[in-house]
Amino acid sequence: MQESKPKNNDSLAIVAYITLIGTIVAFFLNRENRNTLVSFHIRQALGLWLLQMVLGYFIGAFDSVMLSTSFWIFFIVLFIYGIFSAVGKKMNAVPILGPFFQKLFASI
């Protein structure tokens, strides 16, 4: 008889940051065997994606290249920070917004 080892799905933490679809996929794959690291990064990524979409809608209305560029750089830096935290298997919240996302999506 073979013993089944528990799946280590830490790689889902990285997948969560790759598009909103990746966040949704990571959420559903993490539901059966909950991993606290993956759940943490799903909350972070979901918050970043939703905030980017909402703010992007309003930033786009200004039709300013400088404002749009700074908006994109801000979110790219936050996503890269989150990805490196997930790669290092650390639960570091993204600066400024991370603790808010953890409270907002606590049920995930």
N, C-alpha and C. Protein backbone atom coordinates (compact mmCIF):
# COMPACT_ATOMS: atom_id res chain seq x y z
N MET A 1 0.82 -1.17 0.00
CA MET A 1 0.00 0.00 0.00
C MET A 1 0.88 1.25 0.00
N GLN A 2 0.51 2.21 -0.81
CA GLN A 2 1.29 3.44 -0.88
C GLN A 2 0.69 4.46 0.07
N GLU A 3 1.60 5.15 0.74
CA GLU A 3 1.15 6.22 1.61
C GLU A 3 1.07 7.50 0.80
N SER A 4 -0.01 8.19 0.91
CA SER A 4 -0.14 9.44 0.17
C SER A 4 0.38 10.59 1.03
N LYS A 5 1.29 11.32 0.46
CA LYS A 5 1.84 12.47 1.16
C LYS A 5 0.90 13.66 0.97
N PRO A 6 0.80 14.51 1.95
CA PRO A 6 -0.02 15.71 1.76
C PRO A 6 0.61 16.60 0.70
N LYS A 7 -0.24 17.14 -0.15
CA LYS A 7 0.25 18.01 -1.21
C LYS A 7 0.78 19.31 -0.62
N ASN A 8 1.92 19.73 -1.14
CA ASN A 8 2.48 21.02 -0.76
C ASN A 8 2.17 21.97 -1.90
N ASN A 9 1.14 22.76 -1.75
CA ASN A 9 0.71 23.63 -2.84
C ASN A 9 1.18 25.07 -2.65
N ASP A 10 2.40 25.24 -2.17
CA ASP A 10 2.96 26.58 -1.98
C ASP A 10 3.09 27.34 -3.29
N SER A 11 3.21 26.63 -4.41
CA SER A 11 3.35 27.30 -5.70
C SER A 11 2.08 28.06 -6.08
N LEU A 12 0.96 27.71 -5.48
CA LEU A 12 -0.27 28.46 -5.74
C LEU A 12 -0.17 29.90 -5.25
N ALA A 13 0.69 30.15 -4.28
CA ALA A 13 0.88 31.52 -3.79
C ALA A 13 1.44 32.40 -4.91
N ILE A 14 2.29 31.84 -5.75
CA ILE A 14 2.86 32.60 -6.87
C ILE A 14 1.81 32.76 -7.96
N VAL A 15 1.06 31.70 -8.22
CA VAL A 15 0.03 31.72 -9.26
C VAL A 15 -1.02 32.80 -8.96
N ALA A 16 -1.27 33.05 -7.69
CA ALA A 16 -2.28 34.04 -7.30
C ALA A 16 -1.98 35.43 -7.84
N TYR A 17 -0.72 35.75 -8.03
CA TYR A 17 -0.36 37.09 -8.51
C TYR A 17 -0.38 37.20 -10.03
N ILE A 18 -0.52 36.09 -10.73
CA ILE A 18 -0.48 36.11 -12.19
C ILE A 18 -1.90 36.22 -12.70
N THR A 19 -2.33 37.37 -13.03
CA THR A 19 -3.66 37.77 -13.50
C THR A 19 -4.74 37.45 -12.47
N LEU A 20 -5.88 38.04 -12.66
CA LEU A 20 -7.01 37.80 -11.78
C LEU A 20 -7.50 36.36 -11.92
N ILE A 21 -7.37 35.80 -13.10
CA ILE A 21 -7.75 34.39 -13.32
C ILE A 21 -6.86 33.49 -12.45
N GLY A 22 -5.58 33.80 -12.36
CA GLY A 22 -4.67 33.03 -11.51
C GLY A 22 -5.08 33.08 -10.05
N THR A 23 -5.56 34.23 -9.62
CA THR A 23 -6.04 34.36 -8.24
C THR A 23 -7.25 33.48 -8.00
N ILE A 24 -8.15 33.46 -8.96
CA ILE A 24 -9.36 32.64 -8.82
C ILE A 24 -9.01 31.16 -8.85
N VAL A 25 -8.10 30.77 -9.74
CA VAL A 25 -7.66 29.37 -9.80
C VAL A 25 -7.00 28.96 -8.50
N ALA A 26 -6.12 29.80 -7.98
CA ALA A 26 -5.44 29.49 -6.71
C ALA A 26 -6.44 29.38 -5.58
N PHE A 27 -7.47 30.23 -5.59
CA PHE A 27 -8.50 30.19 -4.55
C PHE A 27 -9.22 28.84 -4.55
N PHE A 28 -9.65 28.39 -5.73
CA PHE A 28 -10.40 27.14 -5.80
C PHE A 28 -9.53 25.92 -5.54
N LEU A 29 -8.28 25.95 -5.96
CA LEU A 29 -7.39 24.82 -5.71
C LEU A 29 -6.95 24.75 -4.25
N ASN A 30 -7.01 25.86 -3.54
CA ASN A 30 -6.59 25.90 -2.14
C ASN A 30 -7.74 25.57 -1.18
N ARG A 31 -8.95 25.45 -1.70
CA ARG A 31 -10.11 25.23 -0.83
C ARG A 31 -10.09 23.88 -0.13
N GLU A 32 -9.66 22.83 -0.84
CA GLU A 32 -9.71 21.48 -0.26
C GLU A 32 -8.69 21.32 0.86
N ASN A 33 -7.44 21.56 0.56
CA ASN A 33 -6.36 21.47 1.55
C ASN A 33 -5.84 22.87 1.80
N ARG A 34 -6.41 23.53 2.77
CA ARG A 34 -6.03 24.93 3.04
C ARG A 34 -4.58 25.04 3.48
N ASN A 35 -3.90 25.98 2.87
CA ASN A 35 -2.52 26.29 3.20
C ASN A 35 -2.53 27.76 3.62
N THR A 36 -2.04 28.06 4.80
CA THR A 36 -2.10 29.44 5.31
C THR A 36 -1.29 30.40 4.45
N LEU A 37 -0.14 29.93 3.93
CA LEU A 37 0.68 30.78 3.07
C LEU A 37 -0.07 31.14 1.79
N VAL A 38 -0.69 30.16 1.18
CA VAL A 38 -1.43 30.39 -0.07
C VAL A 38 -2.64 31.29 0.20
N SER A 39 -3.36 31.05 1.27
CA SER A 39 -4.52 31.89 1.60
C SER A 39 -4.09 33.34 1.83
N PHE A 40 -2.97 33.53 2.49
CA PHE A 40 -2.45 34.88 2.72
C PHE A 40 -2.19 35.58 1.39
N HIS A 41 -1.50 34.91 0.47
CA HIS A 41 -1.16 35.54 -0.80
C HIS A 41 -2.37 35.68 -1.73
N ILE A 42 -3.36 34.82 -1.59
CA ILE A 42 -4.59 35.00 -2.36
C ILE A 42 -5.29 36.28 -1.92
N ARG A 43 -5.35 36.52 -0.62
CA ARG A 43 -5.96 37.76 -0.12
C ARG A 43 -5.21 38.99 -0.61
N GLN A 44 -3.88 38.91 -0.60
CA GLN A 44 -3.07 40.04 -1.06
C GLN A 44 -3.29 40.29 -2.55
N ALA A 45 -3.23 39.23 -3.35
CA ALA A 45 -3.36 39.37 -4.80
C ALA A 45 -4.76 39.83 -5.19
N LEU A 46 -5.78 39.28 -4.54
CA LEU A 46 -7.16 39.68 -4.86
C LEU A 46 -7.36 41.16 -4.55
N GLY A 47 -6.85 41.61 -3.44
CA GLY A 47 -6.96 43.02 -3.10
C GLY A 47 -6.24 43.91 -4.10
N LEU A 48 -5.04 43.50 -4.51
CA LEU A 48 -4.29 44.29 -5.49
C LEU A 48 -5.01 44.35 -6.84
N TRP A 49 -5.51 43.20 -7.31
CA TRP A 49 -6.18 43.17 -8.61
C TRP A 49 -7.46 44.01 -8.60
N LEU A 50 -8.26 43.87 -7.56
CA LEU A 50 -9.51 44.63 -7.51
C LEU A 50 -9.26 46.12 -7.38
N LEU A 51 -8.30 46.49 -6.54
CA LEU A 51 -7.98 47.91 -6.38
C LEU A 51 -7.41 48.50 -7.66
N GLN A 52 -6.58 47.72 -8.33
CA GLN A 52 -6.02 48.20 -9.60
C GLN A 52 -7.11 48.45 -10.63
N MET A 53 -8.08 47.56 -10.70
CA MET A 53 -9.17 47.73 -11.67
C MET A 53 -10.04 48.94 -11.35
N VAL A 54 -10.38 49.08 -10.09
CA VAL A 54 -11.24 50.20 -9.70
C VAL A 54 -10.52 51.53 -9.88
N LEU A 55 -9.30 51.63 -9.35
CA LEU A 55 -8.57 52.89 -9.49
C LEU A 55 -8.16 53.15 -10.93
N GLY A 56 -7.86 52.09 -11.68
CA GLY A 56 -7.48 52.26 -13.08
C GLY A 56 -8.58 52.88 -13.91
N TYR A 57 -9.80 52.56 -13.59
CA TYR A 57 -10.94 53.15 -14.29
C TYR A 57 -10.96 54.67 -14.11
N PHE A 58 -10.73 55.11 -12.87
CA PHE A 58 -10.76 56.54 -12.60
C PHE A 58 -9.49 57.25 -13.07
N ILE A 59 -8.35 56.61 -12.95
CA ILE A 59 -7.09 57.20 -13.41
C ILE A 59 -7.11 57.38 -14.93
N GLY A 60 -7.70 56.42 -15.64
CA GLY A 60 -7.79 56.51 -17.09
C GLY A 60 -8.62 57.69 -17.56
N ALA A 61 -9.55 58.14 -16.75
CA ALA A 61 -10.39 59.27 -17.12
C ALA A 61 -9.62 60.60 -17.15
N PHE A 62 -8.48 60.66 -16.45
CA PHE A 62 -7.71 61.90 -16.42
C PHE A 62 -6.92 62.13 -17.71
N ASP A 63 -6.66 61.09 -18.47
CA ASP A 63 -5.95 61.20 -19.74
C ASP A 63 -4.59 61.89 -19.58
N SER A 64 -3.87 61.50 -18.52
CA SER A 64 -2.56 62.06 -18.24
C SER A 64 -1.52 60.94 -18.28
N VAL A 65 -0.52 61.11 -19.13
CA VAL A 65 0.51 60.08 -19.26
C VAL A 65 1.30 59.96 -17.97
N MET A 66 1.62 61.08 -17.34
CA MET A 66 2.41 61.04 -16.12
C MET A 66 1.64 60.36 -14.98
N LEU A 67 0.37 60.63 -14.86
CA LEU A 67 -0.44 60.02 -13.82
C LEU A 67 -0.62 58.52 -14.08
N SER A 68 -0.88 58.16 -15.32
CA SER A 68 -1.04 56.74 -15.67
C SER A 68 0.24 55.96 -15.46
N THR A 69 1.37 56.55 -15.84
CA THR A 69 2.65 55.88 -15.67
C THR A 69 2.98 55.66 -14.21
N SER A 70 2.76 56.66 -13.38
CA SER A 70 3.04 56.49 -11.96
C SER A 70 2.08 55.48 -11.32
N PHE A 71 0.84 55.44 -11.79
CA PHE A 71 -0.13 54.45 -11.31
C PHE A 71 0.35 53.03 -11.64
N TRP A 72 0.77 52.81 -12.87
CA TRP A 72 1.23 51.48 -13.28
C TRP A 72 2.51 51.07 -12.56
N ILE A 73 3.42 51.99 -12.39
CA ILE A 73 4.67 51.69 -11.69
C ILE A 73 4.38 51.31 -10.24
N PHE A 74 3.47 52.05 -9.60
CA PHE A 74 3.09 51.75 -8.22
C PHE A 74 2.58 50.32 -8.09
N PHE A 75 1.66 49.93 -8.97
CA PHE A 75 1.09 48.58 -8.87
C PHE A 75 2.07 47.50 -9.31
N ILE A 76 2.90 47.76 -10.27
CA ILE A 76 3.91 46.78 -10.68
C ILE A 76 4.87 46.50 -9.53
N VAL A 77 5.28 47.54 -8.82
CA VAL A 77 6.18 47.36 -7.67
C VAL A 77 5.49 46.54 -6.58
N LEU A 78 4.22 46.81 -6.32
CA LEU A 78 3.50 46.04 -5.30
C LEU A 78 3.35 44.57 -5.71
N PHE A 79 3.05 44.32 -6.98
CA PHE A 79 2.92 42.95 -7.45
C PHE A 79 4.26 42.21 -7.39
N ILE A 80 5.33 42.87 -7.76
CA ILE A 80 6.66 42.25 -7.70
C ILE A 80 7.03 41.95 -6.25
N TYR A 81 6.72 42.86 -5.35
CA TYR A 81 6.97 42.62 -3.92
C TYR A 81 6.21 41.39 -3.45
N GLY A 82 4.96 41.29 -3.84
CA GLY A 82 4.15 40.14 -3.46
C GLY A 82 4.67 38.84 -4.04
N ILE A 83 5.09 38.86 -5.29
CA ILE A 83 5.62 37.66 -5.94
C ILE A 83 6.90 37.20 -5.26
N PHE A 84 7.80 38.12 -4.97
CA PHE A 84 9.05 37.74 -4.30
C PHE A 84 8.78 37.21 -2.89
N SER A 85 7.79 37.77 -2.24
CA SER A 85 7.41 37.26 -0.92
C SER A 85 6.87 35.84 -1.04
N ALA A 86 6.08 35.58 -2.07
CA ALA A 86 5.53 34.23 -2.28
C ALA A 86 6.62 33.25 -2.67
N VAL A 87 7.57 33.67 -3.49
CA VAL A 87 8.68 32.79 -3.88
C VAL A 87 9.52 32.42 -2.66
N GLY A 88 9.72 33.38 -1.77
CA GLY A 88 10.50 33.13 -0.56
C GLY A 88 9.71 32.44 0.54
N LYS A 89 8.44 32.11 0.24
CA LYS A 89 7.56 31.44 1.20
C LYS A 89 7.43 32.22 2.51
N LYS A 90 7.31 33.54 2.35
CA LYS A 90 7.15 34.43 3.51
C LYS A 90 5.78 35.08 3.44
N MET A 91 5.24 35.40 4.58
CA MET A 91 3.94 36.07 4.61
C MET A 91 4.15 37.56 4.90
N ASN A 92 4.80 38.23 3.97
CA ASN A 92 5.01 39.68 4.08
C ASN A 92 3.87 40.39 3.36
N ALA A 93 3.15 41.22 4.07
CA ALA A 93 2.06 41.98 3.45
C ALA A 93 2.64 43.06 2.56
N VAL A 94 1.94 43.35 1.46
CA VAL A 94 2.40 44.42 0.59
C VAL A 94 2.34 45.73 1.35
N PRO A 95 3.29 46.62 1.11
CA PRO A 95 3.32 47.88 1.85
C PRO A 95 2.04 48.70 1.66
N ILE A 96 1.70 49.43 2.65
CA ILE A 96 0.58 50.37 2.69
C ILE A 96 -0.78 49.66 2.72
N LEU A 97 -1.05 48.77 1.78
CA LEU A 97 -2.37 48.20 1.61
C LEU A 97 -2.54 46.79 2.16
N GLY A 98 -1.47 46.08 2.39
CA GLY A 98 -1.52 44.68 2.78
C GLY A 98 -2.35 44.37 4.01
N PRO A 99 -2.14 45.07 5.12
CA PRO A 99 -2.95 44.78 6.31
C PRO A 99 -4.45 45.02 6.08
N PHE A 100 -4.79 46.01 5.28
CA PHE A 100 -6.19 46.27 4.96
C PHE A 100 -6.79 45.10 4.17
N PHE A 101 -6.03 44.57 3.20
CA PHE A 101 -6.52 43.44 2.42
C PHE A 101 -6.72 42.20 3.29
N GLN A 102 -5.84 42.01 4.27
CA GLN A 102 -5.97 40.85 5.15
C GLN A 102 -7.25 40.94 5.99
N LYS A 103 -7.61 42.14 6.43
CA LYS A 103 -8.83 42.32 7.20
C LYS A 103 -10.06 42.22 6.31
N LEU A 104 -9.99 42.83 5.13
CA LEU A 104 -11.13 42.87 4.22
C LEU A 104 -11.51 41.47 3.72
N PHE A 105 -10.52 40.67 3.39
CA PHE A 105 -10.76 39.33 2.85
C PHE A 105 -10.44 38.24 3.86
N ALA A 106 -10.71 38.48 5.12
CA ALA A 106 -10.38 37.53 6.19
C ALA A 106 -11.10 36.20 6.04
N SER A 107 -12.24 36.21 5.37
CA SER A 107 -13.00 34.96 5.24
C SER A 107 -12.45 34.03 4.17
N ILE A 108 -11.49 34.49 3.40
CA ILE A 108 -10.90 33.66 2.33
C ILE A 108 -9.78 32.83 2.91
